[in-house]
Amino acid sequence: MIKPSISILLFSAAATLLGSLAPAVRAADPQAPVASAYAEIQTIAREAADADAMAGPIDAVLTELVDYGAFAKRTLKSRWKGLSARQKKRFQRAFKALILRTYARRFKHGSTFEVSWRGTPRYLDDAKQLAEVRSTVTGKKAAADVDYLMVSSPKGWKAHDIIVDEVSMARNWRKQFKRILDEKGFDELVRRIEKKSKR
């Protein structure tokens, strides 16, 4: 069974930003798309009638924020090269559904959160094409550090990984996926991901 590895507030991480924070972030800043996602999901959570009504809008917001292809590649790492084009497409589709499902079920309609930034974005290369955006998301009962590995692309800054309380989702899923690939193979891995994403 594939287990969601961390107790993720996840897009608790995403359900948060006070609308007043977003305009203060420059469009070229890697923090901008994260701030925008927080603001949008907070509005979705506030206005949704129930959890089901949140799924589609949250999907649209995360699709703008996350590069799922790069996220999938980062998660499988060396195994990615060995997949056929058809297998890559199939894995990416299943993986995206799993991430969305994991995130969306942690949202509560009507919930509110606060977001604070732990400093300015930290650039990880000299060309400033790779950056870490660090935030802390606080709800009524818990708080979590939620950080984003952002990469500059022709479509703007996109998240390639999300780190919750210092645990990388890509690395965390990688361990689980590697075990299943080694023991059961690719088809079984995708079958389990697809099954998990429908629960």
N, C-alpha and C. Protein backbone atom coordinates (compact mmCIF):
# COMPACT_ATOMS: atom_id res chain seq x y z
N MET A 1 0.84 -1.19 0.00
CA MET A 1 0.00 0.00 0.00
C MET A 1 0.88 1.24 0.00
N ILE A 2 0.49 2.21 -0.79
CA ILE A 2 1.23 3.47 -0.81
C ILE A 2 0.68 4.37 0.28
N LYS A 3 1.55 4.84 1.13
CA LYS A 3 1.10 5.68 2.25
C LYS A 3 1.52 7.12 2.04
N PRO A 4 0.62 8.07 2.32
CA PRO A 4 1.05 9.46 2.29
C PRO A 4 2.03 9.64 3.45
N SER A 5 3.28 9.97 3.15
CA SER A 5 4.32 9.85 4.11
C SER A 5 4.37 10.84 5.22
N ILE A 6 3.94 12.02 5.00
CA ILE A 6 4.10 13.01 6.05
C ILE A 6 2.72 13.44 6.48
N SER A 7 2.65 13.91 7.64
CA SER A 7 1.41 14.50 8.07
C SER A 7 1.39 15.88 7.47
N ILE A 8 0.90 15.96 6.24
CA ILE A 8 1.06 17.20 5.48
C ILE A 8 -0.13 18.11 5.67
N LEU A 9 0.10 19.31 6.07
CA LEU A 9 -0.95 20.32 6.02
C LEU A 9 -1.12 20.66 4.58
N LEU A 10 -0.14 20.34 3.86
CA LEU A 10 0.00 20.43 2.45
C LEU A 10 -0.57 21.69 1.91
N PHE A 11 -1.66 21.58 1.35
CA PHE A 11 -2.11 22.86 0.89
C PHE A 11 -3.00 23.49 1.92
N SER A 12 -2.87 22.96 3.13
CA SER A 12 -2.93 23.86 4.24
C SER A 12 -1.91 24.84 3.80
N ALA A 13 -0.83 24.34 3.39
CA ALA A 13 0.15 25.19 2.78
C ALA A 13 -0.49 25.97 1.72
N ALA A 14 -1.39 25.41 1.04
CA ALA A 14 -1.89 26.19 -0.06
C ALA A 14 -3.13 26.93 0.29
N ALA A 15 -3.73 26.62 1.37
CA ALA A 15 -5.01 27.25 1.64
C ALA A 15 -4.90 28.55 2.37
N THR A 16 -3.85 29.30 2.20
CA THR A 16 -3.58 30.23 3.23
C THR A 16 -3.40 31.67 2.97
N LEU A 17 -2.76 32.10 2.07
CA LEU A 17 -2.22 33.47 2.09
C LEU A 17 -3.30 34.53 2.21
N LEU A 18 -3.06 35.45 3.07
CA LEU A 18 -3.93 36.61 3.14
C LEU A 18 -3.78 37.39 1.85
N GLY A 19 -4.90 37.76 1.27
CA GLY A 19 -4.85 38.40 -0.04
C GLY A 19 -3.94 39.59 -0.10
N SER A 20 -3.75 40.26 1.00
CA SER A 20 -2.91 41.47 0.99
C SER A 20 -1.45 41.17 0.75
N LEU A 21 -1.03 39.92 0.90
CA LEU A 21 0.38 39.60 0.72
C LEU A 21 0.77 39.48 -0.74
N ALA A 22 -0.14 38.98 -1.57
CA ALA A 22 0.20 38.68 -2.95
C ALA A 22 0.68 39.87 -3.76
N PRO A 23 0.02 41.02 -3.71
CA PRO A 23 0.46 42.14 -4.53
C PRO A 23 1.85 42.65 -4.17
N ALA A 24 2.31 42.36 -2.97
CA ALA A 24 3.60 42.88 -2.55
C ALA A 24 4.76 42.12 -3.17
N VAL A 25 4.47 40.99 -3.82
CA VAL A 25 5.52 40.15 -4.37
C VAL A 25 5.71 40.46 -5.85
N ARG A 26 6.92 40.69 -6.26
CA ARG A 26 7.20 41.02 -7.66
C ARG A 26 6.86 39.84 -8.57
N ALA A 27 6.41 40.13 -9.79
CA ALA A 27 6.03 39.08 -10.73
C ALA A 27 7.21 38.19 -11.08
N ALA A 28 8.43 38.75 -11.11
CA ALA A 28 9.60 37.97 -11.47
C ALA A 28 10.17 37.19 -10.28
N ASP A 29 9.61 37.38 -9.14
CA ASP A 29 10.07 36.75 -7.92
C ASP A 29 9.55 35.31 -7.86
N PRO A 30 10.38 34.32 -7.52
CA PRO A 30 9.90 32.94 -7.41
C PRO A 30 8.83 32.76 -6.34
N GLN A 31 8.73 33.72 -5.43
CA GLN A 31 7.71 33.64 -4.40
C GLN A 31 6.32 34.00 -4.94
N ALA A 32 6.27 34.74 -6.05
CA ALA A 32 5.00 35.24 -6.57
C ALA A 32 3.97 34.15 -6.87
N PRO A 33 4.33 33.07 -7.60
CA PRO A 33 3.32 32.05 -7.87
C PRO A 33 2.86 31.31 -6.62
N VAL A 34 3.73 31.20 -5.64
CA VAL A 34 3.35 30.55 -4.39
C VAL A 34 2.34 31.42 -3.64
N ALA A 35 2.64 32.71 -3.56
CA ALA A 35 1.73 33.64 -2.90
C ALA A 35 0.38 33.67 -3.60
N SER A 36 0.39 33.65 -4.92
CA SER A 36 -0.84 33.66 -5.69
C SER A 36 -1.67 32.41 -5.41
N ALA A 37 -0.99 31.25 -5.36
CA ALA A 37 -1.70 29.99 -5.09
C ALA A 37 -2.34 30.02 -3.71
N TYR A 38 -1.60 30.50 -2.73
CA TYR A 38 -2.16 30.60 -1.38
C TYR A 38 -3.42 31.47 -1.36
N ALA A 39 -3.36 32.61 -2.00
CA ALA A 39 -4.49 33.53 -2.01
C ALA A 39 -5.71 32.91 -2.69
N GLU A 40 -5.48 32.25 -3.82
CA GLU A 40 -6.59 31.65 -4.56
C GLU A 40 -7.24 30.51 -3.79
N ILE A 41 -6.42 29.67 -3.18
CA ILE A 41 -6.98 28.52 -2.48
C ILE A 41 -7.69 28.95 -1.21
N GLN A 42 -7.22 30.02 -0.60
CA GLN A 42 -7.94 30.53 0.57
C GLN A 42 -9.35 30.97 0.16
N THR A 43 -9.46 31.61 -0.98
CA THR A 43 -10.77 32.04 -1.47
C THR A 43 -11.64 30.83 -1.77
N ILE A 44 -11.05 29.81 -2.41
CA ILE A 44 -11.79 28.59 -2.73
C ILE A 44 -12.32 27.94 -1.47
N ALA A 45 -11.47 27.81 -0.46
CA ALA A 45 -11.88 27.18 0.81
C ALA A 45 -12.99 27.97 1.48
N ARG A 46 -12.89 29.27 1.43
CA ARG A 46 -13.88 30.13 2.09
C ARG A 46 -15.25 30.05 1.42
N GLU A 47 -15.25 29.93 0.07
CA GLU A 47 -16.50 30.00 -0.66
C GLU A 47 -17.13 28.64 -1.01
N ALA A 48 -16.35 27.56 -0.92
CA ALA A 48 -16.86 26.25 -1.33
C ALA A 48 -17.96 25.76 -0.39
N ALA A 49 -18.97 25.14 -0.98
CA ALA A 49 -20.08 24.61 -0.19
C ALA A 49 -19.67 23.34 0.55
N ASP A 50 -18.77 22.56 -0.06
CA ASP A 50 -18.30 21.34 0.57
C ASP A 50 -16.95 20.96 -0.05
N ALA A 51 -16.38 19.85 0.43
CA ALA A 51 -15.05 19.43 -0.03
C ALA A 51 -15.05 19.09 -1.53
N ASP A 52 -16.11 18.48 -2.02
CA ASP A 52 -16.17 18.11 -3.44
C ASP A 52 -16.10 19.35 -4.35
N ALA A 53 -16.69 20.43 -3.89
CA ALA A 53 -16.71 21.65 -4.70
C ALA A 53 -15.33 22.29 -4.79
N MET A 54 -14.42 21.88 -3.91
CA MET A 54 -13.08 22.46 -3.91
C MET A 54 -12.13 21.77 -4.89
N ALA A 55 -12.43 20.51 -5.23
CA ALA A 55 -11.48 19.69 -5.99
C ALA A 55 -11.07 20.30 -7.33
N GLY A 56 -12.04 20.67 -8.16
CA GLY A 56 -11.73 21.22 -9.47
C GLY A 56 -10.95 22.52 -9.42
N PRO A 57 -11.40 23.49 -8.65
CA PRO A 57 -10.67 24.75 -8.54
C PRO A 57 -9.25 24.58 -8.00
N ILE A 58 -9.08 23.70 -7.02
CA ILE A 58 -7.73 23.47 -6.48
C ILE A 58 -6.84 22.82 -7.54
N ASP A 59 -7.40 21.92 -8.31
CA ASP A 59 -6.67 21.29 -9.42
C ASP A 59 -6.14 22.37 -10.35
N ALA A 60 -6.98 23.33 -10.71
CA ALA A 60 -6.57 24.39 -11.63
C ALA A 60 -5.45 25.25 -11.04
N VAL A 61 -5.54 25.55 -9.76
CA VAL A 61 -4.53 26.37 -9.11
C VAL A 61 -3.18 25.63 -9.06
N LEU A 62 -3.21 24.37 -8.68
CA LEU A 62 -1.96 23.62 -8.57
C LEU A 62 -1.33 23.34 -9.93
N THR A 63 -2.15 23.22 -10.94
CA THR A 63 -1.63 23.02 -12.29
C THR A 63 -0.81 24.22 -12.72
N GLU A 64 -1.20 25.41 -12.28
CA GLU A 64 -0.44 26.61 -12.58
C GLU A 64 0.85 26.69 -11.77
N LEU A 65 0.82 26.17 -10.56
CA LEU A 65 1.97 26.28 -9.66
C LEU A 65 3.02 25.19 -9.89
N VAL A 66 2.57 23.98 -10.14
CA VAL A 66 3.46 22.81 -10.16
C VAL A 66 3.75 22.33 -11.58
N ASP A 67 5.00 21.99 -11.84
CA ASP A 67 5.38 21.31 -13.08
C ASP A 67 5.36 19.83 -12.77
N TYR A 68 4.25 19.17 -13.07
CA TYR A 68 4.10 17.77 -12.70
C TYR A 68 5.07 16.85 -13.42
N GLY A 69 5.42 17.20 -14.67
CA GLY A 69 6.37 16.39 -15.40
C GLY A 69 7.73 16.39 -14.72
N ALA A 70 8.19 17.59 -14.33
CA ALA A 70 9.47 17.70 -13.65
C ALA A 70 9.42 17.06 -12.27
N PHE A 71 8.27 17.19 -11.61
CA PHE A 71 8.09 16.60 -10.28
C PHE A 71 8.18 15.07 -10.38
N ALA A 72 7.53 14.52 -11.41
CA ALA A 72 7.56 13.07 -11.62
C ALA A 72 8.98 12.59 -11.90
N LYS A 73 9.68 13.32 -12.75
CA LYS A 73 11.06 12.97 -13.11
C LYS A 73 11.96 13.03 -11.88
N ARG A 74 11.79 14.06 -11.08
CA ARG A 74 12.60 14.22 -9.87
C ARG A 74 12.32 13.09 -8.88
N THR A 75 11.07 12.64 -8.83
CA THR A 75 10.68 11.59 -7.90
C THR A 75 11.26 10.23 -8.30
N LEU A 76 11.17 9.87 -9.57
CA LEU A 76 11.71 8.58 -10.01
C LEU A 76 13.21 8.61 -10.26
N LYS A 77 13.75 9.79 -10.46
CA LYS A 77 15.18 10.01 -10.63
C LYS A 77 15.74 9.09 -11.73
N SER A 78 16.71 8.21 -11.41
CA SER A 78 17.38 7.41 -12.44
C SER A 78 16.42 6.44 -13.14
N ARG A 79 15.33 6.08 -12.48
CA ARG A 79 14.37 5.15 -13.08
C ARG A 79 13.62 5.79 -14.24
N TRP A 80 13.56 7.12 -14.24
CA TRP A 80 12.79 7.83 -15.26
C TRP A 80 13.33 7.54 -16.66
N LYS A 81 14.65 7.54 -16.81
CA LYS A 81 15.26 7.34 -18.13
C LYS A 81 14.92 5.98 -18.72
N GLY A 82 14.69 5.01 -17.88
CA GLY A 82 14.41 3.66 -18.37
C GLY A 82 12.98 3.43 -18.82
N LEU A 83 12.12 4.43 -18.62
CA LEU A 83 10.72 4.28 -19.01
C LEU A 83 10.52 4.69 -20.46
N SER A 84 9.57 4.05 -21.11
CA SER A 84 9.21 4.45 -22.47
C SER A 84 8.39 5.73 -22.39
N ALA A 85 8.21 6.38 -23.54
CA ALA A 85 7.41 7.61 -23.57
C ALA A 85 5.99 7.33 -23.07
N ARG A 86 5.47 6.18 -23.44
CA ARG A 86 4.11 5.82 -23.01
C ARG A 86 4.05 5.61 -21.49
N GLN A 87 5.07 4.96 -20.94
CA GLN A 87 5.11 4.73 -19.50
C GLN A 87 5.26 6.05 -18.74
N LYS A 88 6.08 6.95 -19.25
CA LYS A 88 6.25 8.25 -18.60
C LYS A 88 4.94 9.00 -18.54
N LYS A 89 4.22 8.98 -19.64
CA LYS A 89 2.94 9.68 -19.70
C LYS A 89 1.94 9.06 -18.72
N ARG A 90 1.93 7.74 -18.67
CA ARG A 90 1.01 7.04 -17.77
C ARG A 90 1.35 7.31 -16.31
N PHE A 91 2.64 7.26 -16.00
CA PHE A 91 3.06 7.52 -14.62
C PHE A 91 2.73 8.95 -14.21
N GLN A 92 3.02 9.89 -15.08
CA GLN A 92 2.79 11.30 -14.75
C GLN A 92 1.31 11.57 -14.48
N ARG A 93 0.44 10.97 -15.29
CA ARG A 93 -0.99 11.16 -15.10
C ARG A 93 -1.44 10.61 -13.75
N ALA A 94 -0.96 9.41 -13.41
CA ALA A 94 -1.34 8.79 -12.14
C ALA A 94 -0.74 9.56 -10.96
N PHE A 95 0.49 9.99 -11.11
CA PHE A 95 1.19 10.70 -10.04
C PHE A 95 0.51 12.04 -9.74
N LYS A 96 0.13 12.75 -10.78
CA LYS A 96 -0.57 14.01 -10.59
C LYS A 96 -1.87 13.80 -9.82
N ALA A 97 -2.62 12.78 -10.20
CA ALA A 97 -3.88 12.51 -9.52
C ALA A 97 -3.65 12.18 -8.05
N LEU A 98 -2.57 11.45 -7.78
CA LEU A 98 -2.26 11.10 -6.39
C LEU A 98 -1.92 12.34 -5.57
N ILE A 99 -1.11 13.23 -6.12
CA ILE A 99 -0.75 14.45 -5.40
C ILE A 99 -1.99 15.30 -5.15
N LEU A 100 -2.80 15.48 -6.17
CA LEU A 100 -4.00 16.30 -6.01
C LEU A 100 -4.93 15.71 -4.96
N ARG A 101 -5.09 14.40 -5.00
CA ARG A 101 -5.96 13.74 -4.04
C ARG A 101 -5.42 13.91 -2.61
N THR A 102 -4.11 13.73 -2.46
CA THR A 102 -3.49 13.87 -1.15
C THR A 102 -3.67 15.27 -0.60
N TYR A 103 -3.50 16.28 -1.46
CA TYR A 103 -3.65 17.66 -1.03
C TYR A 103 -5.10 18.01 -0.73
N ALA A 104 -5.97 17.71 -1.69
CA ALA A 104 -7.35 18.17 -1.59
C ALA A 104 -8.07 17.62 -0.36
N ARG A 105 -7.79 16.39 0.02
CA ARG A 105 -8.52 15.82 1.15
C ARG A 105 -8.12 16.45 2.48
N ARG A 106 -7.06 17.24 2.48
CA ARG A 106 -6.65 17.92 3.70
C ARG A 106 -7.26 19.31 3.84
N PHE A 107 -8.01 19.72 2.84
CA PHE A 107 -8.66 21.02 2.92
C PHE A 107 -10.02 20.89 3.59
N LYS A 108 -10.34 21.88 4.34
CA LYS A 108 -11.67 21.96 4.93
C LYS A 108 -12.33 23.22 4.42
N HIS A 109 -13.51 23.05 3.83
CA HIS A 109 -14.19 24.25 3.37
C HIS A 109 -14.53 25.11 4.58
N GLY A 110 -14.35 26.39 4.41
CA GLY A 110 -14.58 27.32 5.51
C GLY A 110 -13.37 27.50 6.42
N SER A 111 -12.28 26.77 6.14
CA SER A 111 -11.10 26.87 7.00
C SER A 111 -10.29 28.13 6.68
N THR A 112 -9.57 28.60 7.65
CA THR A 112 -8.70 29.76 7.45
C THR A 112 -7.31 29.44 7.99
N PHE A 113 -6.31 30.06 7.38
CA PHE A 113 -4.93 29.83 7.77
C PHE A 113 -4.16 31.15 7.69
N GLU A 114 -3.02 31.15 8.31
CA GLU A 114 -2.12 32.29 8.20
C GLU A 114 -0.80 31.82 7.61
N VAL A 115 -0.19 32.65 6.77
CA VAL A 115 1.09 32.32 6.16
C VAL A 115 2.11 33.38 6.50
N SER A 116 3.29 32.93 6.84
CA SER A 116 4.41 33.86 7.02
C SER A 116 5.57 33.34 6.19
N TRP A 117 6.42 34.25 5.74
CA TRP A 117 7.56 33.88 4.90
C TRP A 117 8.82 33.85 5.76
N ARG A 118 9.58 32.78 5.64
CA ARG A 118 10.83 32.65 6.39
C ARG A 118 11.97 33.23 5.55
N GLY A 119 12.01 34.54 5.51
CA GLY A 119 13.02 35.22 4.72
C GLY A 119 12.61 35.33 3.26
N THR A 120 13.48 35.93 2.46
CA THR A 120 13.24 36.05 1.02
C THR A 120 13.64 34.75 0.34
N PRO A 121 13.22 34.54 -0.93
CA PRO A 121 13.60 33.31 -1.63
C PRO A 121 15.11 33.12 -1.61
N ARG A 122 15.52 31.88 -1.42
CA ARG A 122 16.94 31.55 -1.37
C ARG A 122 17.35 30.92 -2.71
N TYR A 123 18.20 31.61 -3.44
CA TYR A 123 18.64 31.10 -4.74
C TYR A 123 19.70 30.03 -4.54
N LEU A 124 19.59 28.94 -5.29
CA LEU A 124 20.45 27.79 -5.10
C LEU A 124 21.50 27.63 -6.20
N ASP A 125 21.53 28.57 -7.15
CA ASP A 125 22.54 28.54 -8.20
C ASP A 125 22.93 29.96 -8.57
N ASP A 126 24.09 30.10 -9.20
CA ASP A 126 24.59 31.43 -9.55
C ASP A 126 23.72 32.15 -10.57
N ALA A 127 23.09 31.38 -11.45
CA ALA A 127 22.26 31.98 -12.50
C ALA A 127 20.88 32.40 -12.00
N LYS A 128 20.58 32.07 -10.76
CA LYS A 128 19.29 32.39 -10.15
C LYS A 128 18.12 31.80 -10.95
N GLN A 129 18.30 30.56 -11.35
CA GLN A 129 17.25 29.82 -12.05
C GLN A 129 16.60 28.77 -11.14
N LEU A 130 17.19 28.57 -9.98
CA LEU A 130 16.70 27.58 -9.02
C LEU A 130 16.61 28.25 -7.66
N ALA A 131 15.45 28.16 -7.04
CA ALA A 131 15.27 28.87 -5.77
C ALA A 131 14.38 28.08 -4.82
N GLU A 132 14.55 28.37 -3.56
CA GLU A 132 13.71 27.77 -2.52
C GLU A 132 12.88 28.87 -1.88
N VAL A 133 11.57 28.69 -1.91
CA VAL A 133 10.64 29.63 -1.28
C VAL A 133 10.18 28.99 0.02
N ARG A 134 10.39 29.70 1.13
CA ARG A 134 10.14 29.12 2.45
C ARG A 134 8.98 29.82 3.15
N SER A 135 7.98 29.04 3.50
CA SER A 135 6.82 29.59 4.19
C SER A 135 6.47 28.75 5.41
N THR A 136 5.75 29.37 6.32
CA THR A 136 5.19 28.65 7.45
C THR A 136 3.69 28.86 7.44
N VAL A 137 2.97 27.76 7.49
CA VAL A 137 1.50 27.80 7.43
C VAL A 137 0.94 27.43 8.79
N THR A 138 0.10 28.28 9.33
CA THR A 138 -0.44 28.08 10.67
C THR A 138 -1.96 28.00 10.61
N GLY A 139 -2.50 26.90 11.15
CA GLY A 139 -3.94 26.73 11.25
C GLY A 139 -4.36 26.81 12.71
N LYS A 140 -5.59 26.40 13.00
CA LYS A 140 -6.08 26.49 14.37
C LYS A 140 -5.33 25.57 15.32
N LYS A 141 -4.98 24.38 14.83
CA LYS A 141 -4.40 23.37 15.73
C LYS A 141 -2.94 23.03 15.45
N ALA A 142 -2.42 23.44 14.31
CA ALA A 142 -1.06 23.05 13.98
C ALA A 142 -0.42 24.03 13.02
N ALA A 143 0.89 23.93 12.93
CA ALA A 143 1.65 24.75 11.99
C ALA A 143 2.67 23.86 11.30
N ALA A 144 3.05 24.23 10.09
CA ALA A 144 4.06 23.47 9.36
C ALA A 144 4.88 24.40 8.49
N ASP A 145 6.16 24.08 8.38
CA ASP A 145 7.01 24.77 7.42
C ASP A 145 6.80 24.10 6.07
N VAL A 146 6.41 24.88 5.08
CA VAL A 146 6.15 24.33 3.75
C VAL A 146 6.99 25.11 2.75
N ASP A 147 7.94 24.43 2.17
CA ASP A 147 8.89 25.07 1.26
C ASP A 147 8.74 24.52 -0.15
N TYR A 148 9.10 25.34 -1.12
CA TYR A 148 8.91 24.99 -2.52
C TYR A 148 10.22 25.11 -3.27
N LEU A 149 10.61 24.07 -3.98
CA LEU A 149 11.76 24.14 -4.87
C LEU A 149 11.24 24.67 -6.20
N MET A 150 11.59 25.90 -6.52
CA MET A 150 11.09 26.57 -7.71
C MET A 150 12.16 26.65 -8.79
N VAL A 151 11.77 26.38 -10.03
CA VAL A 151 12.69 26.43 -11.15
C VAL A 151 12.13 27.38 -12.20
N SER A 152 12.99 28.26 -12.70
CA SER A 152 12.57 29.21 -13.73
C SER A 152 12.43 28.49 -15.06
N SER A 153 11.35 28.78 -15.79
CA SER A 153 11.10 28.16 -17.08
C SER A 153 10.47 29.20 -18.00
N PRO A 154 10.33 28.88 -19.28
CA PRO A 154 9.67 29.83 -20.20
C PRO A 154 8.25 30.19 -19.75
N LYS A 155 7.64 29.32 -18.94
CA LYS A 155 6.29 29.58 -18.46
C LYS A 155 6.28 30.24 -17.09
N GLY A 156 7.45 30.63 -16.62
CA GLY A 156 7.54 31.27 -15.31
C GLY A 156 8.12 30.32 -14.28
N TRP A 157 8.06 30.72 -13.03
CA TRP A 157 8.57 29.88 -11.95
C TRP A 157 7.58 28.76 -11.64
N LYS A 158 8.10 27.52 -11.58
CA LYS A 158 7.26 26.35 -11.32
C LYS A 158 7.86 25.51 -10.20
N ALA A 159 7.00 24.91 -9.40
CA ALA A 159 7.46 24.05 -8.31
C ALA A 159 7.80 22.66 -8.83
N HIS A 160 9.00 22.18 -8.49
CA HIS A 160 9.44 20.83 -8.86
C HIS A 160 9.44 19.90 -7.65
N ASP A 161 9.26 20.46 -6.48
CA ASP A 161 9.22 19.66 -5.26
C ASP A 161 8.61 20.52 -4.16
N ILE A 162 8.02 19.86 -3.18
CA ILE A 162 7.46 20.55 -2.01
C ILE A 162 8.05 19.87 -0.78
N ILE A 163 8.56 20.67 0.14
CA ILE A 163 9.21 20.13 1.33
C ILE A 163 8.40 20.54 2.55
N VAL A 164 7.89 19.57 3.27
CA VAL A 164 7.06 19.85 4.44
C VAL A 164 7.81 19.44 5.69
N ASP A 165 8.04 20.41 6.58
CA ASP A 165 8.81 20.17 7.80
C ASP A 165 10.11 19.42 7.49
N GLU A 166 10.83 19.93 6.50
CA GLU A 166 12.16 19.46 6.10
C GLU A 166 12.15 18.10 5.41
N VAL A 167 10.99 17.60 5.05
CA VAL A 167 10.91 16.31 4.33
C VAL A 167 10.45 16.56 2.90
N SER A 168 11.30 16.22 1.95
CA SER A 168 10.99 16.39 0.53
C SER A 168 9.96 15.37 0.08
N MET A 169 8.90 15.83 -0.54
CA MET A 169 7.90 14.90 -1.04
C MET A 169 8.48 14.02 -2.14
N ALA A 170 9.30 14.60 -3.02
CA ALA A 170 9.89 13.81 -4.10
C ALA A 170 10.73 12.66 -3.54
N ARG A 171 11.59 12.97 -2.58
CA ARG A 171 12.43 11.92 -2.01
C ARG A 171 11.61 10.91 -1.22
N ASN A 172 10.58 11.39 -0.54
CA ASN A 172 9.75 10.51 0.26
C ASN A 172 8.98 9.52 -0.59
N TRP A 173 8.35 10.03 -1.66
CA TRP A 173 7.64 9.13 -2.57
C TRP A 173 8.63 8.21 -3.27
N ARG A 174 9.83 8.72 -3.57
CA ARG A 174 10.82 7.92 -4.30
C ARG A 174 11.13 6.61 -3.58
N LYS A 175 11.26 6.67 -2.27
CA LYS A 175 11.57 5.47 -1.49
C LYS A 175 10.47 4.42 -1.63
N GLN A 176 9.23 4.89 -1.54
CA GLN A 176 8.11 3.96 -1.66
C GLN A 176 8.01 3.38 -3.06
N PHE A 177 8.15 4.25 -4.05
CA PHE A 177 8.03 3.81 -5.44
C PHE A 177 9.14 2.85 -5.81
N LYS A 178 10.36 3.10 -5.35
CA LYS A 178 11.50 2.23 -5.66
C LYS A 178 11.24 0.82 -5.15
N ARG A 179 10.74 0.72 -3.94
CA ARG A 179 10.47 -0.58 -3.36
C ARG A 179 9.45 -1.37 -4.20
N ILE A 180 8.39 -0.68 -4.62
CA ILE A 180 7.36 -1.35 -5.41
C ILE A 180 7.90 -1.72 -6.79
N LEU A 181 8.68 -0.82 -7.40
CA LEU A 181 9.28 -1.12 -8.70
C LEU A 181 10.19 -2.34 -8.62
N ASP A 182 10.99 -2.41 -7.58
CA ASP A 182 11.93 -3.52 -7.42
C ASP A 182 11.21 -4.84 -7.19
N GLU A 183 10.14 -4.78 -6.42
CA GLU A 183 9.45 -6.02 -6.04
C GLU A 183 8.35 -6.44 -7.01
N LYS A 184 7.65 -5.45 -7.58
CA LYS A 184 6.45 -5.77 -8.36
C LYS A 184 6.48 -5.27 -9.81
N GLY A 185 7.31 -4.28 -10.09
CA GLY A 185 7.38 -3.76 -11.45
C GLY A 185 6.54 -2.52 -11.69
N PHE A 186 6.71 -1.96 -12.88
CA PHE A 186 6.08 -0.68 -13.23
C PHE A 186 4.56 -0.73 -13.23
N ASP A 187 3.99 -1.74 -13.86
CA ASP A 187 2.53 -1.82 -13.96
C ASP A 187 1.87 -1.86 -12.59
N GLU A 188 2.48 -2.59 -11.66
CA GLU A 188 1.92 -2.67 -10.32
C GLU A 188 2.05 -1.34 -9.59
N LEU A 189 3.15 -0.64 -9.81
CA LEU A 189 3.31 0.67 -9.19
C LEU A 189 2.20 1.60 -9.64
N VAL A 190 1.97 1.68 -10.94
CA VAL A 190 0.95 2.58 -11.45
C VAL A 190 -0.43 2.15 -10.96
N ARG A 191 -0.66 0.85 -10.92
CA ARG A 191 -1.95 0.35 -10.45
C ARG A 191 -2.21 0.80 -9.01
N ARG A 192 -1.19 0.73 -8.17
CA ARG A 192 -1.35 1.13 -6.77
C ARG A 192 -1.54 2.65 -6.64
N ILE A 193 -0.81 3.40 -7.44
CA ILE A 193 -0.99 4.86 -7.41
C ILE A 193 -2.39 5.22 -7.83
N GLU A 194 -2.87 4.62 -8.91
CA GLU A 194 -4.22 4.90 -9.40
C GLU A 194 -5.27 4.51 -8.37
N LYS A 195 -5.08 3.38 -7.73
CA LYS A 195 -6.03 2.94 -6.70
C LYS A 195 -6.06 3.90 -5.54
N LYS A 196 -4.86 4.33 -5.11
CA LYS A 196 -4.77 5.24 -3.97
C LYS A 196 -5.40 6.59 -4.29
N SER A 197 -5.24 7.06 -5.51
CA SER A 197 -5.75 8.39 -5.86
C SER A 197 -7.27 8.42 -5.97
N LYS A 198 -7.92 7.25 -6.02
CA LYS A 198 -9.38 7.20 -6.13
C LYS A 198 -10.06 7.04 -4.78
N ARG A 199 -9.30 6.85 -3.73
CA ARG A 199 -9.91 6.64 -2.40
C ARG A 199 -10.46 7.94 -1.83
